Amino acid sequence: MGNILFLSGLALTIGVKSTLQFFMKRQNYKGTVSFIIGFLLVLVGWALFGMILEAYGFIVLFSGFWPTVVVFLQRIPVIGWIFQQPFLVSLFSRSRQRRVPV
């Protein structure tokens, strides 16, 4: 049920056409296929393997959003200073040059 709500929420947020374009991009095929096969495994009854495969697909699909998440976390007033520490900034700085995939 959570997967259906996730997909419907994504479609309502960015639109059905953009959602389909996102999942059908050539560079996102591996994540899309992993997510769908994981979803089907959960439906069949292999929940543990399905969730692991879904998690892998989710990470592959949305890995391009991490730079955006890092910038957002650094700008939160109370806890942003944690993400602005030099060792975390150097860790996140290499992924900042990438674009958001949507």
N, C-alpha and C. Protein backbone atom coordinates (compact mmCIF):
# COMPACT_ATOMS: atom_id res chain seq x y z
N MET A 1 0.82 -1.19 0.00
CA MET A 1 0.00 0.00 0.00
C MET A 1 0.88 1.27 0.00
N GLY A 2 1.99 1.20 0.70
CA GLY A 2 2.88 2.35 0.75
C GLY A 2 3.47 2.68 -0.61
N ASN A 3 3.74 1.64 -1.40
CA ASN A 3 4.29 1.87 -2.74
C ASN A 3 3.28 2.57 -3.63
N ILE A 4 2.03 2.17 -3.53
CA ILE A 4 0.98 2.79 -4.33
C ILE A 4 0.81 4.25 -3.91
N LEU A 5 0.85 4.50 -2.62
CA LEU A 5 0.74 5.88 -2.14
C LEU A 5 1.95 6.71 -2.56
N PHE A 6 3.14 6.11 -2.54
CA PHE A 6 4.33 6.81 -2.98
C PHE A 6 4.21 7.21 -4.45
N LEU A 7 3.84 6.26 -5.29
CA LEU A 7 3.74 6.54 -6.73
C LEU A 7 2.63 7.55 -7.02
N SER A 8 1.51 7.42 -6.34
CA SER A 8 0.43 8.38 -6.57
C SER A 8 0.80 9.76 -6.04
N GLY A 9 1.51 9.84 -4.93
CA GLY A 9 1.96 11.12 -4.41
C GLY A 9 2.97 11.79 -5.32
N LEU A 10 3.85 10.99 -5.90
CA LEU A 10 4.82 11.52 -6.85
C LEU A 10 4.10 12.05 -8.08
N ALA A 11 3.12 11.31 -8.57
CA ALA A 11 2.37 11.74 -9.75
C ALA A 11 1.57 13.01 -9.46
N LEU A 12 1.02 13.12 -8.26
CA LEU A 12 0.27 14.33 -7.92
C LEU A 12 1.19 15.53 -7.71
N THR A 13 2.41 15.29 -7.27
CA THR A 13 3.35 16.38 -7.02
C THR A 13 3.95 16.94 -8.31
N ILE A 14 4.47 16.07 -9.17
CA ILE A 14 5.14 16.57 -10.37
C ILE A 14 4.34 16.33 -11.65
N GLY A 15 3.20 15.65 -11.55
CA GLY A 15 2.37 15.40 -12.71
C GLY A 15 2.58 13.99 -13.27
N VAL A 16 1.57 13.47 -13.90
CA VAL A 16 1.61 12.11 -14.43
C VAL A 16 2.64 12.01 -15.56
N LYS A 17 2.65 12.97 -16.46
CA LYS A 17 3.57 12.93 -17.59
C LYS A 17 5.02 12.98 -17.12
N SER A 18 5.32 13.87 -16.19
CA SER A 18 6.69 13.98 -15.68
C SER A 18 7.10 12.73 -14.90
N THR A 19 6.16 12.13 -14.19
CA THR A 19 6.44 10.90 -13.46
C THR A 19 6.80 9.78 -14.41
N LEU A 20 6.01 9.62 -15.46
CA LEU A 20 6.30 8.59 -16.45
C LEU A 20 7.62 8.85 -17.16
N GLN A 21 7.89 10.10 -17.48
CA GLN A 21 9.17 10.44 -18.12
C GLN A 21 10.34 10.14 -17.20
N PHE A 22 10.17 10.42 -15.92
CA PHE A 22 11.24 10.15 -14.95
C PHE A 22 11.55 8.67 -14.87
N PHE A 23 10.52 7.83 -14.77
CA PHE A 23 10.74 6.40 -14.64
C PHE A 23 11.19 5.75 -15.95
N MET A 24 10.91 6.37 -17.08
CA MET A 24 11.26 5.78 -18.37
C MET A 24 12.55 6.33 -18.97
N LYS A 25 13.25 7.20 -18.25
CA LYS A 25 14.54 7.69 -18.74
C LYS A 25 15.52 6.54 -18.85
N ARG A 26 16.38 6.61 -19.85
CA ARG A 26 17.36 5.54 -20.09
C ARG A 26 18.26 5.31 -18.88
N GLN A 27 18.70 6.37 -18.22
CA GLN A 27 19.61 6.21 -17.09
C GLN A 27 18.88 5.71 -15.83
N ASN A 28 17.55 5.71 -15.83
CA ASN A 28 16.79 5.26 -14.68
C ASN A 28 16.21 3.86 -14.84
N TYR A 29 16.53 3.18 -15.94
CA TYR A 29 15.96 1.85 -16.17
C TYR A 29 16.32 0.86 -15.07
N LYS A 30 17.56 0.87 -14.62
CA LYS A 30 17.99 -0.08 -13.61
C LYS A 30 17.19 0.11 -12.31
N GLY A 31 17.02 1.35 -11.90
CA GLY A 31 16.24 1.63 -10.69
C GLY A 31 14.77 1.32 -10.86
N THR A 32 14.23 1.63 -12.04
CA THR A 32 12.82 1.38 -12.30
C THR A 32 12.52 -0.12 -12.29
N VAL A 33 13.35 -0.88 -12.98
CA VAL A 33 13.16 -2.33 -13.04
C VAL A 33 13.31 -2.95 -11.65
N SER A 34 14.29 -2.51 -10.88
CA SER A 34 14.48 -3.02 -9.53
C SER A 34 13.28 -2.70 -8.65
N PHE A 35 12.77 -1.48 -8.76
CA PHE A 35 11.63 -1.08 -7.96
C PHE A 35 10.39 -1.89 -8.32
N ILE A 36 10.14 -2.09 -9.60
CA ILE A 36 8.95 -2.84 -10.04
C ILE A 36 9.05 -4.31 -9.67
N ILE A 37 10.22 -4.92 -9.88
CA ILE A 37 10.39 -6.33 -9.51
C ILE A 37 10.27 -6.50 -8.00
N GLY A 38 10.83 -5.57 -7.24
CA GLY A 38 10.67 -5.61 -5.78
C GLY A 38 9.23 -5.50 -5.36
N PHE A 39 8.49 -4.63 -6.01
CA PHE A 39 7.06 -4.48 -5.72
C PHE A 39 6.31 -5.78 -6.01
N LEU A 40 6.63 -6.41 -7.13
CA LEU A 40 5.99 -7.67 -7.49
C LEU A 40 6.37 -8.78 -6.51
N LEU A 41 7.61 -8.80 -6.05
CA LEU A 41 8.01 -9.80 -5.07
C LEU A 41 7.26 -9.63 -3.75
N VAL A 42 7.02 -8.40 -3.35
CA VAL A 42 6.23 -8.15 -2.14
C VAL A 42 4.81 -8.67 -2.33
N LEU A 43 4.23 -8.43 -3.50
CA LEU A 43 2.88 -8.91 -3.78
C LEU A 43 2.80 -10.44 -3.78
N VAL A 44 3.85 -11.10 -4.27
CA VAL A 44 3.87 -12.56 -4.35
C VAL A 44 4.04 -13.17 -2.96
N GLY A 45 4.67 -12.46 -2.06
CA GLY A 45 4.85 -12.97 -0.71
C GLY A 45 6.30 -13.04 -0.25
N TRP A 46 7.22 -12.67 -1.08
CA TRP A 46 8.62 -12.63 -0.71
C TRP A 46 8.96 -11.21 -0.24
N ALA A 47 8.43 -10.86 0.90
CA ALA A 47 8.48 -9.48 1.37
C ALA A 47 9.91 -8.99 1.63
N LEU A 48 10.74 -9.80 2.27
CA LEU A 48 12.08 -9.35 2.61
C LEU A 48 12.90 -9.05 1.36
N PHE A 49 12.92 -9.98 0.41
CA PHE A 49 13.67 -9.77 -0.82
C PHE A 49 13.07 -8.62 -1.64
N GLY A 50 11.76 -8.53 -1.63
CA GLY A 50 11.10 -7.45 -2.36
C GLY A 50 11.44 -6.08 -1.80
N MET A 51 11.44 -5.96 -0.48
CA MET A 51 11.76 -4.67 0.13
C MET A 51 13.21 -4.28 -0.09
N ILE A 52 14.11 -5.27 -0.06
CA ILE A 52 15.52 -4.99 -0.32
C ILE A 52 15.70 -4.50 -1.75
N LEU A 53 15.04 -5.18 -2.69
CA LEU A 53 15.14 -4.78 -4.10
C LEU A 53 14.49 -3.42 -4.34
N GLU A 54 13.37 -3.17 -3.68
CA GLU A 54 12.72 -1.86 -3.79
C GLU A 54 13.62 -0.76 -3.23
N ALA A 55 14.25 -1.01 -2.10
CA ALA A 55 15.14 -0.01 -1.51
C ALA A 55 16.30 0.30 -2.44
N TYR A 56 16.87 -0.74 -3.05
CA TYR A 56 17.94 -0.53 -4.00
C TYR A 56 17.45 0.31 -5.18
N GLY A 57 16.29 -0.03 -5.72
CA GLY A 57 15.72 0.73 -6.83
C GLY A 57 15.45 2.17 -6.45
N PHE A 58 14.96 2.40 -5.25
CA PHE A 58 14.67 3.75 -4.77
C PHE A 58 15.96 4.56 -4.68
N ILE A 59 17.01 3.94 -4.14
CA ILE A 59 18.29 4.65 -4.01
C ILE A 59 18.86 4.98 -5.38
N VAL A 60 18.79 4.03 -6.30
CA VAL A 60 19.31 4.28 -7.65
C VAL A 60 18.50 5.36 -8.36
N LEU A 61 17.17 5.30 -8.23
CA LEU A 61 16.32 6.28 -8.90
C LEU A 61 16.53 7.69 -8.39
N PHE A 62 16.63 7.84 -7.09
CA PHE A 62 16.65 9.17 -6.50
C PHE A 62 18.02 9.61 -6.01
N SER A 63 19.07 8.96 -6.48
CA SER A 63 20.42 9.34 -6.05
C SER A 63 20.81 10.74 -6.54
N GLY A 64 20.20 11.20 -7.61
CA GLY A 64 20.50 12.54 -8.12
C GLY A 64 19.93 13.66 -7.26
N PHE A 65 19.05 13.33 -6.31
CA PHE A 65 18.46 14.35 -5.45
C PHE A 65 19.28 14.65 -4.21
N TRP A 66 20.33 13.86 -3.92
CA TRP A 66 21.10 14.07 -2.69
C TRP A 66 21.72 15.46 -2.60
N PRO A 67 22.25 16.02 -3.69
CA PRO A 67 22.78 17.39 -3.56
C PRO A 67 21.72 18.40 -3.11
N THR A 68 20.52 18.25 -3.60
CA THR A 68 19.42 19.14 -3.20
C THR A 68 19.08 18.95 -1.73
N VAL A 69 19.06 17.70 -1.29
CA VAL A 69 18.76 17.40 0.12
C VAL A 69 19.83 17.99 1.03
N VAL A 70 21.09 17.88 0.63
CA VAL A 70 22.18 18.41 1.45
C VAL A 70 22.08 19.92 1.59
N VAL A 71 21.81 20.62 0.51
CA VAL A 71 21.66 22.08 0.58
C VAL A 71 20.48 22.45 1.47
N PHE A 72 19.39 21.70 1.36
CA PHE A 72 18.22 21.96 2.22
C PHE A 72 18.59 21.76 3.69
N LEU A 73 19.28 20.66 4.01
CA LEU A 73 19.66 20.38 5.40
C LEU A 73 20.61 21.43 5.95
N GLN A 74 21.49 21.97 5.12
CA GLN A 74 22.42 22.99 5.58
C GLN A 74 21.72 24.31 5.88
N ARG A 75 20.57 24.53 5.33
CA ARG A 75 19.87 25.80 5.53
C ARG A 75 18.80 25.74 6.62
N ILE A 76 18.63 24.61 7.28
CA ILE A 76 17.69 24.52 8.40
C ILE A 76 18.29 25.27 9.58
N PRO A 77 17.55 26.20 10.19
CA PRO A 77 18.12 27.08 11.21
C PRO A 77 18.74 26.38 12.42
N VAL A 78 18.09 25.39 12.99
CA VAL A 78 18.58 24.83 14.25
C VAL A 78 19.67 23.78 14.03
N ILE A 79 19.48 22.88 13.09
CA ILE A 79 20.45 21.80 12.90
C ILE A 79 21.35 21.98 11.68
N GLY A 80 21.19 23.06 10.97
CA GLY A 80 21.98 23.28 9.76
C GLY A 80 23.47 23.37 10.02
N TRP A 81 23.87 23.85 11.20
CA TRP A 81 25.28 23.98 11.50
C TRP A 81 25.99 22.62 11.55
N ILE A 82 25.24 21.55 11.84
CA ILE A 82 25.84 20.21 11.86
C ILE A 82 26.28 19.83 10.45
N PHE A 83 25.44 20.14 9.47
CA PHE A 83 25.74 19.78 8.09
C PHE A 83 26.70 20.76 7.42
N GLN A 84 27.09 21.81 8.14
CA GLN A 84 28.06 22.77 7.62
C GLN A 84 29.46 22.54 8.19
N GLN A 85 29.64 21.46 8.94
CA GLN A 85 30.96 21.13 9.49
C GLN A 85 31.89 20.73 8.34
N PRO A 86 33.17 21.06 8.45
CA PRO A 86 34.11 20.84 7.33
C PRO A 86 34.16 19.39 6.82
N PHE A 87 34.11 18.41 7.72
CA PHE A 87 34.21 17.03 7.26
C PHE A 87 32.96 16.60 6.50
N LEU A 88 31.80 17.13 6.85
CA LEU A 88 30.58 16.81 6.11
C LEU A 88 30.50 17.60 4.81
N VAL A 89 30.97 18.83 4.83
CA VAL A 89 30.96 19.64 3.61
C VAL A 89 31.86 19.00 2.55
N SER A 90 33.04 18.52 2.97
CA SER A 90 33.93 17.87 2.01
C SER A 90 33.34 16.57 1.50
N LEU A 91 32.60 15.87 2.33
CA LEU A 91 31.95 14.63 1.92
C LEU A 91 30.86 14.89 0.88
N PHE A 92 30.10 15.97 1.07
CA PHE A 92 28.98 16.27 0.18
C PHE A 92 29.37 17.12 -1.02
N SER A 93 30.54 17.75 -0.99
CA SER A 93 30.88 18.71 -2.04
C SER A 93 31.07 18.05 -3.40
N ARG A 94 31.51 16.81 -3.45
CA ARG A 94 31.74 16.17 -4.74
C ARG A 94 30.45 15.86 -5.49
N SER A 95 29.33 15.78 -4.79
CA SER A 95 28.06 15.47 -5.47
C SER A 95 27.26 16.72 -5.81
N ARG A 96 27.76 17.90 -5.47
CA ARG A 96 27.01 19.12 -5.71
C ARG A 96 26.94 19.53 -7.17
N GLN A 97 27.86 19.08 -7.97
CA GLN A 97 27.88 19.51 -9.36
C GLN A 97 26.79 18.84 -10.19
N ARG A 98 26.21 17.76 -9.70
CA ARG A 98 25.18 17.07 -10.46
C ARG A 98 23.87 17.83 -10.46
N ARG A 99 23.08 17.61 -11.51
CA ARG A 99 21.77 18.24 -11.63
C ARG A 99 20.70 17.37 -11.04
N VAL A 100 19.59 17.99 -10.64
CA VAL A 100 18.43 17.24 -10.17
C VAL A 100 17.77 16.57 -11.38
N PRO A 101 17.43 15.27 -11.29
CA PRO A 101 17.02 14.51 -12.45
C PRO A 101 15.62 14.77 -12.98
N VAL A 102 14.83 15.60 -12.38
CA VAL A 102 13.47 15.82 -12.88
C VAL A 102 13.40 17.12 -13.64
